[in-house]
Amino acid sequence: MAILETIKHDFCRLRDGEPGCRFKDFAQERRSRRESKMSAGRVLSLLAGFALIVAGIGIGWLPGPGGFLAIIGLALIAQEIPWVAGVLDAIEIRIRQVIRYVKRIISARTNTAK
């Protein structure tokens, strides 16, 4: 039961984190919870992350699941490697900017079409 509670806490921490620093903050919190630098949990997280990335690339030609698997794999790796967390934070900010831009374009086009 403790594992499920930890997963739930970690998910909520990521979901509620500040955009642009959520992955770095989460990774810092995870590292502070660990007793040793190279624990079995850390090795398993890294291996699972790399496996999900490889699986995502392998089934990337299928619609949908490949990209999601790779993103989950990156998130697992980001919690263990600080610079990957920084890259994910930067990507998140860029994606949010692109989404806002696309929404403005769609909104402008629908307003002019009326």
PDB file of N, CA and C in Angstrom:
ATOM      1  N   MET A   1       0.817  -1.194   0.000  1.00  0.00           N
ATOM      2  CA  MET A   1       0.000   0.000   0.000  1.00  0.00           C
ATOM      3  C   MET A   1       0.859   1.255   0.000  1.00  0.00           C
ATOM      4  N   ALA A   2       2.016   1.193   0.600  1.00  0.00           N
ATOM      5  CA  ALA A   2       2.897   2.361   0.660  1.00  0.00           C
ATOM      6  C   ALA A   2       3.363   2.772  -0.735  1.00  0.00           C
ATOM      7  N   ILE A   3       3.543   1.806  -1.621  1.00  0.00           N
ATOM      8  CA  ILE A   3       3.980   2.121  -2.978  1.00  0.00           C
ATOM      9  C   ILE A   3       2.902   2.918  -3.711  1.00  0.00           C
ATOM     10  N   LEU A   4       1.642   2.501  -3.563  1.00  0.00           N
ATOM     11  CA  LEU A   4       0.555   3.230  -4.211  1.00  0.00           C
ATOM     12  C   LEU A   4       0.425   4.648  -3.668  1.00  0.00           C
ATOM     13  N   GLU A   5       0.610   4.811  -2.386  1.00  0.00           N
ATOM     14  CA  GLU A   5       0.554   6.152  -1.795  1.00  0.00           C
ATOM     15  C   GLU A   5       1.693   7.030  -2.311  1.00  0.00           C
ATOM     16  N   THR A   6       2.868   6.446  -2.447  1.00  0.00           N
ATOM     17  CA  THR A   6       4.007   7.196  -2.975  1.00  0.00           C
ATOM     18  C   THR A   6       3.749   7.614  -4.413  1.00  0.00           C
ATOM     19  N   ILE A   7       3.227   6.701  -5.221  1.00  0.00           N
ATOM     20  CA  ILE A   7       2.922   7.018  -6.617  1.00  0.00           C
ATOM     21  C   ILE A   7       1.878   8.125  -6.691  1.00  0.00           C
ATOM     22  N   LYS A   8       0.847   8.033  -5.862  1.00  0.00           N
ATOM     23  CA  LYS A   8      -0.201   9.059  -5.844  1.00  0.00           C
ATOM     24  C   LYS A   8       0.378  10.411  -5.434  1.00  0.00           C
ATOM     25  N   HIS A   9       1.216  10.420  -4.408  1.00  0.00           N
ATOM     26  CA  HIS A   9       1.848  11.658  -3.952  1.00  0.00           C
ATOM     27  C   HIS A   9       2.729  12.248  -5.053  1.00  0.00           C
ATOM     28  N   ASP A  10       3.517  11.396  -5.705  1.00  0.00           N
ATOM     29  CA  ASP A  10       4.399  11.869  -6.765  1.00  0.00           C
ATOM     30  C   ASP A  10       3.605  12.448  -7.933  1.00  0.00           C
ATOM     31  N   PHE A  11       2.531  11.782  -8.319  1.00  0.00           N
ATOM     32  CA  PHE A  11       1.695  12.279  -9.412  1.00  0.00           C
ATOM     33  C   PHE A  11       1.097  13.638  -9.065  1.00  0.00           C
ATOM     34  N   CYS A  12       0.565  13.758  -7.856  1.00  0.00           N
ATOM     35  CA  CYS A  12      -0.025  15.036  -7.430  1.00  0.00           C
ATOM     36  C   CYS A  12       1.034  16.129  -7.383  1.00  0.00           C
ATOM     37  N   ARG A  13       2.227  15.791  -6.939  1.00  0.00           N
ATOM     38  CA  ARG A  13       3.322  16.763  -6.870  1.00  0.00           C
ATOM     39  C   ARG A  13       3.669  17.272  -8.260  1.00  0.00           C
ATOM     40  N   LEU A  14       3.744  16.377  -9.232  1.00  0.00           N
ATOM     41  CA  LEU A  14       4.030  16.786 -10.604  1.00  0.00           C
ATOM     42  C   LEU A  14       2.875  17.596 -11.184  1.00  0.00           C
ATOM     43  N   ARG A  15       1.663  17.128 -10.997  1.00  0.00           N
ATOM     44  CA  ARG A  15       0.484  17.802 -11.558  1.00  0.00           C
ATOM     45  C   ARG A  15       0.342  19.215 -11.009  1.00  0.00           C
ATOM     46  N   ASP A  16       0.580  19.390  -9.725  1.00  0.00           N
ATOM     47  CA  ASP A  16       0.369  20.680  -9.078  1.00  0.00           C
ATOM     48  C   ASP A  16       1.603  21.581  -9.108  1.00  0.00           C
ATOM     49  N   GLY A  17       2.692  21.103  -9.684  1.00  0.00           N
ATOM     50  CA  GLY A  17       3.923  21.889  -9.712  1.00  0.00           C
ATOM     51  C   GLY A  17       3.817  23.105 -10.616  1.00  0.00           C
ATOM     52  N   GLU A  18       4.688  24.049 -10.384  1.00  0.00           N
ATOM     53  CA  GLU A  18       4.742  25.281 -11.178  1.00  0.00           C
ATOM     54  C   GLU A  18       5.318  24.969 -12.560  1.00  0.00           C
ATOM     55  N   PRO A  19       4.609  25.323 -13.633  1.00  0.00           N
ATOM     56  CA  PRO A  19       5.147  25.084 -14.980  1.00  0.00           C
ATOM     57  C   PRO A  19       6.509  25.762 -15.147  1.00  0.00           C
ATOM     58  N   GLY A  20       7.429  25.042 -15.737  1.00  0.00           N
ATOM     59  CA  GLY A  20       8.758  25.582 -15.950  1.00  0.00           C
ATOM     60  C   GLY A  20       9.767  25.171 -14.899  1.00  0.00           C
ATOM     61  N   CYS A  21       9.274  24.644 -13.784  1.00  0.00           N
ATOM     62  CA  CYS A  21      10.211  24.156 -12.763  1.00  0.00           C
ATOM     63  C   CYS A  21       9.667  22.916 -12.059  1.00  0.00           C
ATOM     64  N   ARG A  22       8.556  22.374 -12.563  1.00  0.00           N
ATOM     65  CA  ARG A  22       7.945  21.233 -11.885  1.00  0.00           C
ATOM     66  C   ARG A  22       8.833  19.998 -11.896  1.00  0.00           C
ATOM     67  N   PHE A  23       9.513  19.719 -13.006  1.00  0.00           N
ATOM     68  CA  PHE A  23      10.346  18.521 -13.083  1.00  0.00           C
ATOM     69  C   PHE A  23      11.611  18.671 -12.236  1.00  0.00           C
ATOM     70  N   LYS A  24      12.222  19.861 -12.259  1.00  0.00           N
ATOM     71  CA  LYS A  24      13.418  20.079 -11.434  1.00  0.00           C
ATOM     72  C   LYS A  24      13.073  19.988  -9.948  1.00  0.00           C
ATOM     73  N   ASP A  25      11.964  20.617  -9.551  1.00  0.00           N
ATOM     74  CA  ASP A  25      11.552  20.561  -8.142  1.00  0.00           C
ATOM     75  C   ASP A  25      11.236  19.131  -7.712  1.00  0.00           C
ATOM     76  N   PHE A  26      10.545  18.410  -8.580  1.00  0.00           N
ATOM     77  CA  PHE A  26      10.191  17.025  -8.266  1.00  0.00           C
ATOM     78  C   PHE A  26      11.444  16.159  -8.151  1.00  0.00           C
ATOM     79  N   ALA A  27      12.374  16.347  -9.077  1.00  0.00           N
ATOM     80  CA  ALA A  27      13.611  15.562  -9.037  1.00  0.00           C
ATOM     81  C   ALA A  27      14.399  15.858  -7.761  1.00  0.00           C
ATOM     82  N   GLN A  28      14.427  17.133  -7.367  1.00  0.00           N
ATOM     83  CA  GLN A  28      15.130  17.503  -6.144  1.00  0.00           C
ATOM     84  C   GLN A  28      14.486  16.845  -4.925  1.00  0.00           C
ATOM     85  N   GLU A  29      13.156  16.845  -4.899  1.00  0.00           N
ATOM     86  CA  GLU A  29      12.454  16.202  -3.782  1.00  0.00           C
ATOM     87  C   GLU A  29      12.736  14.705  -3.745  1.00  0.00           C
ATOM     88  N   ARG A  30      12.717  14.065  -4.919  1.00  0.00           N
ATOM     89  CA  ARG A  30      12.991  12.621  -4.971  1.00  0.00           C
ATOM     90  C   ARG A  30      14.406  12.317  -4.489  1.00  0.00           C
ATOM     91  N   ARG A  31      15.373  13.117  -4.927  1.00  0.00           N
ATOM     92  CA  ARG A  31      16.756  12.875  -4.513  1.00  0.00           C
ATOM     93  C   ARG A  31      16.923  13.071  -3.007  1.00  0.00           C
ATOM     94  N   SER A  32      16.197  14.010  -2.431  1.00  0.00           N
ATOM     95  CA  SER A  32      16.326  14.233  -0.987  1.00  0.00           C
ATOM     96  C   SER A  32      15.694  13.098  -0.182  1.00  0.00           C
ATOM     97  N   ARG A  33      14.727  12.372  -0.782  1.00  0.00           N
ATOM     98  CA  ARG A  33      14.101  11.237  -0.090  1.00  0.00           C
ATOM     99  C   ARG A  33      14.979   9.992  -0.109  1.00  0.00           C
ATOM    100  N   ARG A  34      15.875   9.899  -1.055  1.00  0.00           N
ATOM    101  CA  ARG A  34      16.701   8.704  -1.204  1.00  0.00           C
ATOM    102  C   ARG A  34      17.856   8.726  -0.232  1.00  0.00           C
ATOM    103  N   GLU A  35      18.188   7.561   0.303  1.00  0.00           N
ATOM    104  CA  GLU A  35      19.286   7.466   1.262  1.00  0.00           C
ATOM    105  C   GLU A  35      20.635   7.473   0.561  1.00  0.00           C
ATOM    106  N   SER A  36      20.755   6.716  -0.524  1.00  0.00           N
ATOM    107  CA  SER A  36      22.050   6.609  -1.187  1.00  0.00           C
ATOM    108  C   SER A  36      21.957   7.144  -2.609  1.00  0.00           C
ATOM    109  N   LYS A  37      23.122   7.399  -3.171  1.00  0.00           N
ATOM    110  CA  LYS A  37      23.163   7.942  -4.529  1.00  0.00           C
ATOM    111  C   LYS A  37      22.750   6.902  -5.566  1.00  0.00           C
ATOM    112  N   MET A  38      23.117   5.645  -5.378  1.00  0.00           N
ATOM    113  CA  MET A  38      22.813   4.632  -6.378  1.00  0.00           C
ATOM    114  C   MET A  38      22.029   3.494  -5.725  1.00  0.00           C
ATOM    115  N   SER A  39      20.784   3.741  -5.435  1.00  0.00           N
ATOM    116  CA  SER A  39      19.938   2.727  -4.821  1.00  0.00           C
ATOM    117  C   SER A  39      19.303   1.860  -5.902  1.00  0.00           C
ATOM    118  N   ALA A  40      18.723   0.757  -5.478  1.00  0.00           N
ATOM    119  CA  ALA A  40      18.051  -0.146  -6.417  1.00  0.00           C
ATOM    120  C   ALA A  40      16.868   0.553  -7.073  1.00  0.00           C
ATOM    121  N   GLY A  41      16.158   1.390  -6.327  1.00  0.00           N
ATOM    122  CA  GLY A  41      15.019   2.122  -6.887  1.00  0.00           C
ATOM    123  C   GLY A  41      15.443   3.074  -7.984  1.00  0.00           C
ATOM    124  N   ARG A  42      16.577   3.709  -7.807  1.00  0.00           N
ATOM    125  CA  ARG A  42      17.081   4.633  -8.825  1.00  0.00           C
ATOM    126  C   ARG A  42      17.469   3.881 -10.088  1.00  0.00           C
ATOM    127  N   VAL A  43      18.128   2.767  -9.931  1.00  0.00           N
ATOM    128  CA  VAL A  43      18.525   1.952 -11.082  1.00  0.00           C
ATOM    129  C   VAL A  43      17.281   1.459 -11.814  1.00  0.00           C
ATOM    130  N   LEU A  44      16.276   0.999 -11.068  1.00  0.00           N
ATOM    131  CA  LEU A  44      15.043   0.532 -11.701  1.00  0.00           C
ATOM    132  C   LEU A  44      14.329   1.662 -12.433  1.00  0.00           C
ATOM    133  N   SER A  45      14.302   2.851 -11.860  1.00  0.00           N
ATOM    134  CA  SER A  45      13.668   3.991 -12.527  1.00  0.00           C
ATOM    135  C   SER A  45      14.369   4.319 -13.838  1.00  0.00           C
ATOM    136  N   LEU A  46      15.701   4.322 -13.803  1.00  0.00           N
ATOM    137  CA  LEU A  46      16.453   4.609 -15.022  1.00  0.00           C
ATOM    138  C   LEU A  46      16.232   3.535 -16.088  1.00  0.00           C
ATOM    139  N   LEU A  47      16.284   2.271 -15.679  1.00  0.00           N
ATOM    140  CA  LEU A  47      16.071   1.184 -16.634  1.00  0.00           C
ATOM    141  C   LEU A  47      14.667   1.213 -17.214  1.00  0.00           C
ATOM    142  N   ALA A  48      13.665   1.447 -16.362  1.00  0.00           N
ATOM    143  CA  ALA A  48      12.284   1.525 -16.843  1.00  0.00           C
ATOM    144  C   ALA A  48      12.118   2.713 -17.784  1.00  0.00           C
ATOM    145  N   GLY A  49      12.737   3.836 -17.465  1.00  0.00           N
ATOM    146  CA  GLY A  49      12.666   5.007 -18.337  1.00  0.00           C
ATOM    147  C   GLY A  49      13.254   4.737 -19.710  1.00  0.00           C
ATOM    148  N   PHE A  50      14.437   4.158 -19.730  1.00  0.00           N
ATOM    149  CA  PHE A  50      15.062   3.841 -21.014  1.00  0.00           C
ATOM    150  C   PHE A  50      14.247   2.802 -21.786  1.00  0.00           C
ATOM    151  N   ALA A  51      13.699   1.815 -21.092  1.00  0.00           N
ATOM    152  CA  ALA A  51      12.876   0.799 -21.760  1.00  0.00           C
ATOM    153  C   ALA A  51      11.623   1.429 -22.372  1.00  0.00           C
ATOM    154  N   LEU A  52      10.993   2.348 -21.665  1.00  0.00           N
ATOM    155  CA  LEU A  52       9.800   3.005 -22.208  1.00  0.00           C
ATOM    156  C   LEU A  52      10.141   3.889 -23.411  1.00  0.00           C
ATOM    157  N   ILE A  53      11.285   4.542 -23.364  1.00  0.00           N
ATOM    158  CA  ILE A  53      11.693   5.350 -24.515  1.00  0.00           C
ATOM    159  C   ILE A  53      11.927   4.463 -25.733  1.00  0.00           C
ATOM    160  N   VAL A  54      12.638   3.368 -25.538  1.00  0.00           N
ATOM    161  CA  VAL A  54      12.905   2.442 -26.644  1.00  0.00           C
ATOM    162  C   VAL A  54      11.595   1.855 -27.172  1.00  0.00           C
ATOM    163  N   ALA A  55      10.699   1.469 -26.260  1.00  0.00           N
ATOM    164  CA  ALA A  55       9.401   0.929 -26.695  1.00  0.00           C
ATOM    165  C   ALA A  55       8.602   1.993 -27.435  1.00  0.00           C
ATOM    166  N   GLY A  56       8.634   3.231 -26.948  1.00  0.00           N
ATOM    167  CA  GLY A  56       7.919   4.314 -27.613  1.00  0.00           C
ATOM    168  C   GLY A  56       8.440   4.561 -29.009  1.00  0.00           C
ATOM    169  N   ILE A  57       9.756   4.518 -29.163  1.00  0.00           N
ATOM    170  CA  ILE A  57      10.352   4.688 -30.489  1.00  0.00           C
ATOM    171  C   ILE A  57       9.999   3.493 -31.374  1.00  0.00           C
ATOM    172  N   GLY A  58      10.009   2.309 -30.784  1.00  0.00           N
ATOM    173  CA  GLY A  58       9.710   1.096 -31.544  1.00  0.00           C
ATOM    174  C   GLY A  58       8.292   1.051 -32.087  1.00  0.00           C
ATOM    175  N   ILE A  59       7.344   1.570 -31.323  1.00  0.00           N
ATOM    176  CA  ILE A  59       5.956   1.561 -31.798  1.00  0.00           C
ATOM    177  C   ILE A  59       5.486   2.965 -32.180  1.00  0.00           C
ATOM    178  N   GLY A  60       6.441   3.842 -32.410  1.00  0.00           N
ATOM    179  CA  GLY A  60       6.124   5.220 -32.753  1.00  0.00           C
ATOM    180  C   GLY A  60       5.314   5.371 -34.016  1.00  0.00           C
ATOM    181  N   TRP A  61       5.385   4.420 -34.899  1.00  0.00           N
ATOM    182  CA  TRP A  61       4.629   4.502 -36.150  1.00  0.00           C
ATOM    183  C   TRP A  61       3.141   4.236 -35.940  1.00  0.00           C
ATOM    184  N   LEU A  62       2.777   3.662 -34.788  1.00  0.00           N
ATOM    185  CA  LEU A  62       1.362   3.466 -34.473  1.00  0.00           C
ATOM    186  C   LEU A  62       0.764   4.780 -33.988  1.00  0.00           C
ATOM    187  N   PRO A  63      -0.486   5.033 -34.323  1.00  0.00           N
ATOM    188  CA  PRO A  63      -1.082   6.284 -33.844  1.00  0.00           C
ATOM    189  C   PRO A  63      -1.295   6.262 -32.332  1.00  0.00           C
ATOM    190  N   GLY A  64      -0.748   7.237 -31.656  1.00  0.00           N
ATOM    191  CA  GLY A  64      -1.033   7.417 -30.236  1.00  0.00           C
ATOM    192  C   GLY A  64      -0.006   6.964 -29.233  1.00  0.00           C
ATOM    193  N   PRO A  65       0.096   5.666 -28.950  1.00  0.00           N
ATOM    194  CA  PRO A  65       0.801   5.245 -27.739  1.00  0.00           C
ATOM    195  C   PRO A  65       2.312   5.448 -27.738  1.00  0.00           C
ATOM    196  N   GLY A  66       2.958   5.459 -28.885  1.00  0.00           N
ATOM    197  CA  GLY A  66       4.417   5.544 -28.920  1.00  0.00           C
ATOM    198  C   GLY A  66       4.956   6.799 -28.273  1.00  0.00           C
ATOM    199  N   GLY A  67       4.409   7.925 -28.640  1.00  0.00           N
ATOM    200  CA  GLY A  67       4.870   9.186 -28.076  1.00  0.00           C
ATOM    201  C   GLY A  67       4.630   9.277 -26.590  1.00  0.00           C
ATOM    202  N   PHE A  68       3.484   8.782 -26.154  1.00  0.00           N
ATOM    203  CA  PHE A  68       3.173   8.825 -24.725  1.00  0.00           C
ATOM    204  C   PHE A  68       4.132   7.955 -23.918  1.00  0.00           C
ATOM    205  N   LEU A  69       4.472   6.797 -24.449  1.00  0.00           N
ATOM    206  CA  LEU A  69       5.425   5.930 -23.745  1.00  0.00           C
ATOM    207  C   LEU A  69       6.785   6.613 -23.618  1.00  0.00           C
ATOM    208  N   ALA A  70       7.221   7.252 -24.687  1.00  0.00           N
ATOM    209  CA  ALA A  70       8.516   7.928 -24.651  1.00  0.00           C
ATOM    210  C   ALA A  70       8.498   9.090 -23.650  1.00  0.00           C
ATOM    211  N   ILE A  71       7.397   9.822 -23.582  1.00  0.00           N
ATOM    212  CA  ILE A  71       7.299  10.939 -22.634  1.00  0.00           C
ATOM    213  C   ILE A  71       7.323  10.425 -21.195  1.00  0.00           C
ATOM    214  N   ILE A  72       6.618   9.345 -20.932  1.00  0.00           N
ATOM    215  CA  ILE A  72       6.636   8.755 -19.588  1.00  0.00           C
ATOM    216  C   ILE A  72       8.049   8.281 -19.251  1.00  0.00           C
ATOM    217  N   GLY A  73       8.732   7.690 -20.223  1.00  0.00           N
ATOM    218  CA  GLY A  73      10.112   7.261 -20.012  1.00  0.00           C
ATOM    219  C   GLY A  73      11.031   8.435 -19.701  1.00  0.00           C
ATOM    220  N   LEU A  74      10.854   9.544 -20.419  1.00  0.00           N
ATOM    221  CA  LEU A  74      11.651  10.739 -20.131  1.00  0.00           C
ATOM    222  C   LEU A  74      11.372  11.268 -18.734  1.00  0.00           C
ATOM    223  N   ALA A  75      10.106  11.228 -18.326  1.00  0.00           N
ATOM    224  CA  ALA A  75       9.762  11.698 -16.981  1.00  0.00           C
ATOM    225  C   ALA A  75      10.423  10.825 -15.907  1.00  0.00           C
ATOM    226  N   LEU A  76      10.469   9.515 -16.139  1.00  0.00           N
ATOM    227  CA  LEU A  76      11.144   8.632 -15.183  1.00  0.00           C
ATOM    228  C   LEU A  76      12.644   8.943 -15.100  1.00  0.00           C
ATOM    229  N   ILE A  77      13.240   9.199 -16.245  1.00  0.00           N
ATOM    230  CA  ILE A  77      14.665   9.524 -16.253  1.00  0.00           C
ATOM    231  C   ILE A  77      14.900  10.894 -15.632  1.00  0.00           C
ATOM    232  N   ALA A  78      13.991  11.835 -15.876  1.00  0.00           N
ATOM    233  CA  ALA A  78      14.145  13.198 -15.354  1.00  0.00           C
ATOM    234  C   ALA A  78      14.155  13.237 -13.835  1.00  0.00           C
ATOM    235  N   GLN A  79      13.464  12.309 -13.202  1.00  0.00           N
ATOM    236  CA  GLN A  79      13.462  12.318 -11.743  1.00  0.00           C
ATOM    237  C   GLN A  79      14.795  11.857 -11.164  1.00  0.00           C
ATOM    238  N   GLU A  80      15.656  11.316 -12.004  1.00  0.00           N
ATOM    239  CA  GLU A  80      16.955  10.835 -11.523  1.00  0.00           C
ATOM    240  C   GLU A  80      18.128  11.641 -12.066  1.00  0.00           C
ATOM    241  N   ILE A  81      17.957  12.301 -13.210  1.00  0.00           N
ATOM    242  CA  ILE A  81      19.050  13.044 -13.829  1.00  0.00           C
ATOM    243  C   ILE A  81      18.638  14.507 -13.942  1.00  0.00           C
ATOM    244  N   PRO A  82      19.291  15.395 -13.188  1.00  0.00           N
ATOM    245  CA  PRO A  82      18.847  16.801 -13.115  1.00  0.00           C
ATOM    246  C   PRO A  82      18.785  17.540 -14.449  1.00  0.00           C
ATOM    247  N   TRP A  83      19.743  17.345 -15.346  1.00  0.00           N
ATOM    248  CA  TRP A  83      19.709  18.112 -16.588  1.00  0.00           C
ATOM    249  C   TRP A  83      18.558  17.679 -17.486  1.00  0.00           C
ATOM    250  N   VAL A  84      18.126  16.424 -17.401  1.00  0.00           N
ATOM    251  CA  VAL A  84      16.960  15.978 -18.170  1.00  0.00           C
ATOM    252  C   VAL A  84      15.709  16.669 -17.630  1.00  0.00           C
ATOM    253  N   ALA A  85      15.633  16.838 -16.314  1.00  0.00           N
ATOM    254  CA  ALA A  85      14.507  17.557 -15.716  1.00  0.00           C
ATOM    255  C   ALA A  85      14.469  18.997 -16.220  1.00  0.00           C
ATOM    256  N   GLY A  86      15.623  19.632 -16.331  1.00  0.00           N
ATOM    257  CA  GLY A  86      15.685  20.995 -16.853  1.00  0.00           C
ATOM    258  C   GLY A  86      15.225  21.077 -18.301  1.00  0.00           C
ATOM    259  N   VAL A  87      15.615  20.082 -19.095  1.00  0.00           N
ATOM    260  CA  VAL A  87      15.188  20.050 -20.498  1.00  0.00           C
ATOM    261  C   VAL A  87      13.668  19.886 -20.584  1.00  0.00           C
ATOM    262  N   LEU A  88      13.103  18.996 -19.768  1.00  0.00           N
ATOM    263  CA  LEU A  88      11.650  18.806 -19.784  1.00  0.00           C
ATOM    264  C   LEU A  88      10.915  20.070 -19.341  1.00  0.00           C
ATOM    265  N   ASP A  89      11.460  20.779 -18.369  1.00  0.00           N
ATOM    266  CA  ASP A  89      10.846  22.043 -17.954  1.00  0.00           C
ATOM    267  C   ASP A  89      10.852  23.054 -19.096  1.00  0.00           C
ATOM    268  N   ALA A  90      11.971  23.148 -19.817  1.00  0.00           N
ATOM    269  CA  ALA A  90      12.058  24.075 -20.946  1.00  0.00           C
ATOM    270  C   ALA A  90      11.098  23.672 -22.064  1.00  0.00           C
ATOM    271  N   ILE A  91      10.990  22.381 -22.327  1.00  0.00           N
ATOM    272  CA  ILE A  91      10.066  21.896 -23.356  1.00  0.00           C
ATOM    273  C   ILE A  91       8.627  22.205 -22.962  1.00  0.00           C
ATOM    274  N   GLU A  92       8.308  22.024 -21.684  1.00  0.00           N
ATOM    275  CA  GLU A  92       6.947  22.309 -21.228  1.00  0.00           C
ATOM    276  C   GLU A  92       6.579  23.768 -21.482  1.00  0.00           C
ATOM    277  N   ILE A  93       7.478  24.679 -21.161  1.00  0.00           N
ATOM    278  CA  ILE A  93       7.216  26.107 -21.382  1.00  0.00           C
ATOM    279  C   ILE A  93       7.005  26.375 -22.867  1.00  0.00           C
ATOM    280  N   ARG A  94       7.844  25.802 -23.719  1.00  0.00           N
ATOM    281  CA  ARG A  94       7.721  26.008 -25.167  1.00  0.00           C
ATOM    282  C   ARG A  94       6.397  25.449 -25.688  1.00  0.00           C
ATOM    283  N   ILE A  95       6.012  24.276 -25.217  1.00  0.00           N
ATOM    284  CA  ILE A  95       4.740  23.680 -25.655  1.00  0.00           C
ATOM    285  C   ILE A  95       3.571  24.560 -25.231  1.00  0.00           C
ATOM    286  N   ARG A  96       3.615  25.088 -24.023  1.00  0.00           N
ATOM    287  CA  ARG A  96       2.548  25.976 -23.557  1.00  0.00           C
ATOM    288  C   ARG A  96       2.476  27.238 -24.422  1.00  0.00           C
ATOM    289  N   GLN A  97       3.620  27.783 -24.835  1.00  0.00           N
ATOM    290  CA  GLN A  97       3.628  28.956 -25.707  1.00  0.00           C
ATOM    291  C   GLN A  97       3.009  28.631 -27.061  1.00  0.00           C
ATOM    292  N   VAL A  98       3.357  27.484 -27.618  1.00  0.00           N
ATOM    293  CA  VAL A  98       2.808  27.081 -28.914  1.00  0.00           C
ATOM    294  C   VAL A  98       1.295  26.889 -28.816  1.00  0.00           C
ATOM    295  N   ILE A  99       0.827  26.262 -27.749  1.00  0.00           N
ATOM    296  CA  ILE A  99      -0.614  26.052 -27.573  1.00  0.00           C
ATOM    297  C   ILE A  99      -1.343  27.381 -27.479  1.00  0.00           C
ATOM    298  N   ARG A 100      -0.797  28.335 -26.713  1.00  0.00           N
ATOM    299  CA  ARG A 100      -1.419  29.664 -26.618  1.00  0.00           C
ATOM    300  C   ARG A 100      -1.460  30.345 -27.977  1.00  0.00           C
ATOM    301  N   TYR A 101      -0.383  30.232 -28.745  1.00  0.00           N
ATOM    302  CA  TYR A 101      -0.314  30.834 -30.072  1.00  0.00           C
ATOM    303  C   TYR A 101      -1.368  30.226 -31.004  1.00  0.00           C
ATOM    304  N   VAL A 102      -1.469  28.907 -31.003  1.00  0.00           N
ATOM    305  CA  VAL A 102      -2.446  28.228 -31.858  1.00  0.00           C
ATOM    306  C   VAL A 102      -3.869  28.604 -31.453  1.00  0.00           C
ATOM    307  N   LYS A 103      -4.126  28.691 -30.154  1.00  0.00           N
ATOM    308  CA  LYS A 103      -5.456  29.095 -29.688  1.00  0.00           C
ATOM    309  C   LYS A 103      -5.797  30.506 -30.156  1.00  0.00           C
ATOM    310  N   ARG A 104      -4.815  31.427 -30.120  1.00  0.00           N
ATOM    311  CA  ARG A 104      -5.058  32.793 -30.594  1.00  0.00           C
ATOM    312  C   ARG A 104      -5.382  32.806 -32.080  1.00  0.00           C
ATOM    313  N   ILE A 105      -4.655  32.016 -32.862  1.00  0.00           N
ATOM    314  CA  ILE A 105      -4.901  31.954 -34.305  1.00  0.00           C
ATOM    315  C   ILE A 105      -6.294  31.399 -34.578  1.00  0.00           C
ATOM    316  N   ILE A 106      -6.648  30.320 -33.897  1.00  0.00           N
ATOM    317  CA  ILE A 106      -7.972  29.714 -34.099  1.00  0.00           C
ATOM    318  C   ILE A 106      -9.058  30.689 -33.684  1.00  0.00           C
ATOM    319  N   SER A 107      -8.867  31.362 -32.573  1.00  0.00           N
ATOM    320  CA  SER A 107      -9.847  32.324 -32.095  1.00  0.00           C
ATOM    321  C   SER A 107     -10.001  33.477 -33.087  1.00  0.00           C
ATOM    322  N   ALA A 108      -8.889  33.974 -33.614  1.00  0.00           N
ATOM    323  CA  ALA A 108      -8.938  35.079 -34.580  1.00  0.00           C
ATOM    324  C   ALA A 108      -9.643  34.651 -35.857  1.00  0.00           C
ATOM    325  N   ARG A 109      -9.400  33.452 -36.313  1.00  0.00           N
ATOM    326  CA  ARG A 109     -10.035  32.962 -37.543  1.00  0.00           C
ATOM    327  C   ARG A 109     -11.521  32.728 -37.363  1.00  0.00           C
ATOM    328  N   THR A 110     -11.919  32.231 -36.211  1.00  0.00           N
ATOM    329  CA  THR A 110     -13.357  32.002 -35.984  1.00  0.00           C
ATOM    330  C   THR A 110     -14.090  33.326 -35.803  1.00  0.00           C
ATOM    331  N   ASN A 111     -13.419  34.338 -35.242  1.00  0.00           N
ATOM    332  CA  ASN A 111     -14.051  35.647 -35.093  1.00  0.00           C
ATOM    333  C   ASN A 111     -14.195  36.360 -36.429  1.00  0.00           C
ATOM    334  N   THR A 112     -13.222  36.197 -37.335  1.00  0.00           N
ATOM    335  CA  THR A 112     -13.316  36.850 -38.636  1.00  0.00           C
ATOM    336  C   THR A 112     -14.263  36.107 -39.567  1.00  0.00           C
ATOM    337  N   ALA A 113     -14.486  34.805 -39.318  1.00  0.00           N
ATOM    338  CA  ALA A 113     -15.389  34.031 -40.176  1.00  0.00           C
ATOM    339  C   ALA A 113     -16.833  34.335 -39.890  1.00  0.00           C
ATOM    340  N   LYS A 114     -17.123  34.900 -38.729  1.00  0.00           N
ATOM    341  CA  LYS A 114     -18.505  35.206 -38.363  1.00  0.00           C
ATOM    342  C   LYS A 114     -18.929  36.414 -39.049  1.00  0.00           C
TER     343      LYS A 114
END
